[in-house]
PDB file of N, CA and C in Angstrom:
ATOM      1  N   MET A   1       0.665  -1.209   0.208  1.00  0.00           N
ATOM      2  CA  MET A   1      -0.089  -0.159   0.180  1.00  0.00           C
ATOM      3  C   MET A   1       0.663   0.984  -0.044  1.00  0.00           C
ATOM      4  N   ASP A   2       0.625   1.965  -1.024  1.00  0.00           N
ATOM      5  CA  ASP A   2       1.348   3.643  -0.817  1.00  0.00           C
ATOM      6  C   ASP A   2       0.231   4.562  -1.524  1.00  0.00           C
ATOM      7  N   PHE A   3       0.352   5.373  -0.326  1.00  0.00           N
ATOM      8  CA  PHE A   3      -0.693   6.759  -0.898  1.00  0.00           C
ATOM      9  C   PHE A   3      -0.229   7.859   0.190  1.00  0.00           C
ATOM     10  N   PHE A   4      -0.563   8.822  -0.115  1.00  0.00           N
ATOM     11  CA  PHE A   4      -0.455  10.020   0.518  1.00  0.00           C
ATOM     12  C   PHE A   4      -1.498  10.618   1.190  1.00  0.00           C
ATOM     13  N   ASP A   5      -1.519  10.877   2.658  1.00  0.00           N
ATOM     14  CA  ASP A   5      -2.471  11.367   3.360  1.00  0.00           C
ATOM     15  C   ASP A   5      -2.223  13.157   3.771  1.00  0.00           C
ATOM     16  N   PRO A   6      -3.466  13.329   3.436  1.00  0.00           N
ATOM     17  CA  PRO A   6      -2.968  14.942   3.908  1.00  0.00           C
ATOM     18  C   PRO A   6      -3.071  15.473   5.077  1.00  0.00           C
ATOM     19  N   THR A   7      -3.804  14.617   5.966  1.00  0.00           N
ATOM     20  CA  THR A   7      -3.922  14.696   7.310  1.00  0.00           C
ATOM     21  C   THR A   7      -2.904  14.532   7.925  1.00  0.00           C
ATOM     22  N   LEU A   8      -2.032  13.671   7.504  1.00  0.00           N
ATOM     23  CA  LEU A   8      -0.920  12.868   8.095  1.00  0.00           C
ATOM     24  C   LEU A   8       0.119  14.371   8.019  1.00  0.00           C
ATOM     25  N   GLU A   9       0.266  14.555   6.590  1.00  0.00           N
ATOM     26  CA  GLU A   9       1.187  15.697   6.287  1.00  0.00           C
ATOM     27  C   GLU A   9       0.996  16.812   6.860  1.00  0.00           C
ATOM     28  N   VAL A  10      -0.283  17.225   7.281  1.00  0.00           N
ATOM     29  CA  VAL A  10      -0.424  18.600   8.147  1.00  0.00           C
ATOM     30  C   VAL A  10       0.431  18.778   9.392  1.00  0.00           C
ATOM     31  N   ALA A  11       0.357  17.120  10.168  1.00  0.00           N
ATOM     32  CA  ALA A  11       0.775  16.572  11.535  1.00  0.00           C
ATOM     33  C   ALA A  11       2.255  16.760  11.473  1.00  0.00           C
ATOM     34  N   CYS A  12       2.631  16.000  10.340  1.00  0.00           N
ATOM     35  CA  CYS A  12       4.103  15.864  10.143  1.00  0.00           C
ATOM     36  C   CYS A  12       4.734  17.562  10.059  1.00  0.00           C
ATOM     37  N   ARG A  13       3.885  18.196   9.534  1.00  0.00           N
ATOM     38  CA  ARG A  13       4.186  19.744   8.810  1.00  0.00           C
ATOM     39  C   ARG A  13       4.425  20.646  10.443  1.00  0.00           C
ATOM     40  N   ALA A  14       3.645  20.143  11.396  1.00  0.00           N
ATOM     41  CA  ALA A  14       3.411  20.934  12.632  1.00  0.00           C
ATOM     42  C   ALA A  14       4.467  20.490  13.346  1.00  0.00           C
ATOM     43  N   LEU A  15       4.514  19.111  13.636  1.00  0.00           N
ATOM     44  CA  LEU A  15       5.782  18.620  14.340  1.00  0.00           C
ATOM     45  C   LEU A  15       6.957  18.905  14.051  1.00  0.00           C
ATOM     46  N   GLY A  16       7.555  18.857  12.556  1.00  0.00           N
ATOM     47  CA  GLY A  16       8.660  19.798  12.183  1.00  0.00           C
ATOM     48  C   GLY A  16       8.624  21.139  12.243  1.00  0.00           C
ATOM     49  N   TRP A  17       7.533  21.814  12.139  1.00  0.00           N
ATOM     50  CA  TRP A  17       7.709  22.993  12.843  1.00  0.00           C
ATOM     51  C   TRP A  17       7.815  23.696  13.982  1.00  0.00           C
ATOM     52  N   TRP A  18       7.434  22.714  15.019  1.00  0.00           N
ATOM     53  CA  TRP A  18       7.313  22.976  16.197  1.00  0.00           C
ATOM     54  C   TRP A  18       8.815  22.320  16.954  1.00  0.00           C
ATOM     55  N   SER A  19       9.691  21.234  16.247  1.00  0.00           N
ATOM     56  CA  SER A  19      10.835  20.733  16.544  1.00  0.00           C
ATOM     57  C   SER A  19      11.938  21.730  16.195  1.00  0.00           C
ATOM     58  N   GLY A  20      11.430  21.837  15.147  1.00  0.00           N
ATOM     59  CA  GLY A  20      12.843  22.475  13.803  1.00  0.00           C
ATOM     60  C   GLY A  20      13.540  21.521  13.310  1.00  0.00           C
ATOM     61  N   GLU A  21      12.999  20.268  13.171  1.00  0.00           N
ATOM     62  CA  GLU A  21      13.624  19.144  12.702  1.00  0.00           C
ATOM     63  C   GLU A  21      12.839  18.747  11.346  1.00  0.00           C
ATOM     64  N   LEU A  22      13.500  17.680  10.585  1.00  0.00           N
ATOM     65  CA  LEU A  22      12.392  17.431   9.221  1.00  0.00           C
ATOM     66  C   LEU A  22      11.754  16.292   9.929  1.00  0.00           C
ATOM     67  N   THR A  23      10.495  15.963   9.656  1.00  0.00           N
ATOM     68  CA  THR A  23       9.839  14.644   9.930  1.00  0.00           C
ATOM     69  C   THR A  23       8.825  14.063   8.741  1.00  0.00           C
ATOM     70  N   SER A  24       8.791  12.535   9.276  1.00  0.00           N
ATOM     71  CA  SER A  24       8.409  11.839   8.144  1.00  0.00           C
ATOM     72  C   SER A  24       7.237  10.840   8.940  1.00  0.00           C
ATOM     73  N   ALA A  25       6.297   9.971   8.225  1.00  0.00           N
ATOM     74  CA  ALA A  25       5.895   9.174   8.976  1.00  0.00           C
ATOM     75  C   ALA A  25       5.103   8.123   8.027  1.00  0.00           C
ATOM     76  N   ASN A  26       5.698   6.843   8.353  1.00  0.00           N
ATOM     77  CA  ASN A  26       5.367   5.396   7.823  1.00  0.00           C
ATOM     78  C   ASN A  26       4.513   4.695   8.642  1.00  0.00           C
ATOM     79  N   ALA A  27       3.630   3.696   7.676  1.00  0.00           N
ATOM     80  CA  ALA A  27       2.717   3.194   8.226  1.00  0.00           C
ATOM     81  C   ALA A  27       3.001   1.495   7.338  1.00  0.00           C
ATOM     82  N   TYR A  28       3.242   0.318   8.404  1.00  0.00           N
ATOM     83  CA  TYR A  28       3.302  -0.654   7.587  1.00  0.00           C
ATOM     84  C   TYR A  28       2.360  -1.826   8.563  1.00  0.00           C
ATOM     85  N   LEU A  29       1.925  -2.606   7.670  1.00  0.00           N
ATOM     86  CA  LEU A  29       0.877  -3.525   7.901  1.00  0.00           C
ATOM     87  C   LEU A  29       1.458  -5.032   7.837  1.00  0.00           C
ATOM     88  N   ALA A  30       0.908  -6.047   8.746  1.00  0.00           N
ATOM     89  CA  ALA A  30       1.571  -7.157   9.171  1.00  0.00           C
ATOM     90  C   ALA A  30       0.290  -7.943   9.479  1.00  0.00           C
ATOM     91  N   VAL A  31      -0.479  -9.144   8.310  1.00  0.00           N
ATOM     92  CA  VAL A  31      -1.451  -9.975   8.938  1.00  0.00           C
ATOM     93  C   VAL A  31      -1.223 -11.119   9.043  1.00  0.00           C
ATOM     94  N   GLY A  32      -2.475 -12.017   9.998  1.00  0.00           N
ATOM     95  CA  GLY A  32      -2.093 -13.424  10.166  1.00  0.00           C
ATOM     96  C   GLY A  32      -0.566 -13.817  10.962  1.00  0.00           C
ATOM     97  N   GLU A  33      -0.257 -14.751  10.412  1.00  0.00           N
ATOM     98  CA  GLU A  33       1.038 -15.084  11.101  1.00  0.00           C
ATOM     99  C   GLU A  33       2.462 -14.336  10.661  1.00  0.00           C
ATOM    100  N   THR A  34       2.282 -13.215  10.015  1.00  0.00           N
ATOM    101  CA  THR A  34       3.296 -12.581   9.126  1.00  0.00           C
ATOM    102  C   THR A  34       4.077 -11.960  10.460  1.00  0.00           C
ATOM    103  N   GLY A  35       5.151 -11.739  10.605  1.00  0.00           N
ATOM    104  CA  GLY A  35       5.790 -10.838  11.738  1.00  0.00           C
ATOM    105  C   GLY A  35       6.159  -9.758  11.004  1.00  0.00           C
ATOM    106  N   GLY A  36       5.876  -8.772  12.055  1.00  0.00           N
ATOM    107  CA  GLY A  36       6.348  -7.178  11.745  1.00  0.00           C
ATOM    108  C   GLY A  36       7.525  -6.845  12.334  1.00  0.00           C
ATOM    109  N   PHE A  37       7.171  -5.424  12.405  1.00  0.00           N
ATOM    110  CA  PHE A  37       8.633  -4.920  13.080  1.00  0.00           C
ATOM    111  C   PHE A  37       8.230  -4.760  14.597  1.00  0.00           C
ATOM    112  N   HIS A  38       9.177  -4.680  15.625  1.00  0.00           N
ATOM    113  CA  HIS A  38       9.223  -4.417  16.890  1.00  0.00           C
ATOM    114  C   HIS A  38       8.660  -3.306  17.326  1.00  0.00           C
ATOM    115  N   LEU A  39       8.016  -2.797  18.119  1.00  0.00           N
ATOM    116  CA  LEU A  39       7.858  -1.647  18.761  1.00  0.00           C
ATOM    117  C   LEU A  39       9.185  -0.764  18.873  1.00  0.00           C
ATOM    118  N   HIS A  40       9.034   0.618  18.514  1.00  0.00           N
ATOM    119  CA  HIS A  40      10.789   1.200  19.115  1.00  0.00           C
ATOM    120  C   HIS A  40      10.073   2.900  18.629  1.00  0.00           C
TER     121      HIS A  40
END
Protein backbone atom coordinates (compact mmCIF):
# COMPACT_ATOMS: atom_id res chain seq x y z
CA MET A 1 0.00 0.00 0.00
CA ASP A 2 1.45 3.37 -0.97
CA PHE A 3 -0.64 6.51 -0.60
CA PHE A 4 -0.49 10.13 0.52
CA ASP A 5 -2.54 11.28 3.52
CA PRO A 6 -3.05 15.07 3.65
CA THR A 7 -4.02 14.98 7.34
CA LEU A 8 -0.80 13.19 8.25
CA GLU A 9 1.15 15.71 6.17
CA VAL A 10 -0.29 18.55 8.27
CA ALA A 11 0.64 16.70 11.47
CA CYS A 12 4.21 16.11 10.22
CA ARG A 13 4.58 19.73 9.16
CA ALA A 14 3.33 20.93 12.56
CA LEU A 15 5.71 18.60 14.40
CA GLY A 16 8.57 19.74 12.17
CA TRP A 17 7.75 23.40 12.78
CA TRP A 18 7.55 22.81 16.54
CA SER A 19 10.76 20.76 16.75
CA GLY A 20 12.78 22.50 14.04
CA GLU A 21 13.52 19.08 12.50
CA LEU A 22 12.48 17.29 9.31
CA THR A 23 9.69 14.80 9.99
CA SER A 24 8.04 11.93 8.15
CA ALA A 25 5.66 9.08 8.93
CA ASN A 26 5.45 5.49 7.72
CA ALA A 27 2.85 2.81 8.40
CA TYR A 28 3.24 -0.94 7.97
CA LEU A 29 0.62 -3.67 8.02
CA ALA A 30 1.37 -7.28 8.92
CA VAL A 31 -1.54 -9.75 8.97
CA GLY A 32 -1.99 -13.30 10.20
CA GLU A 33 1.19 -15.09 11.17
CA THR A 34 3.36 -12.59 9.32
CA GLY A 35 5.98 -11.06 11.59
CA GLY A 36 6.20 -7.30 11.79
CA PHE A 37 8.60 -4.78 13.25
CA HIS A 38 9.10 -4.60 17.00
CA LEU A 39 7.75 -1.43 18.61
CA HIS A 40 10.33 1.36 18.63
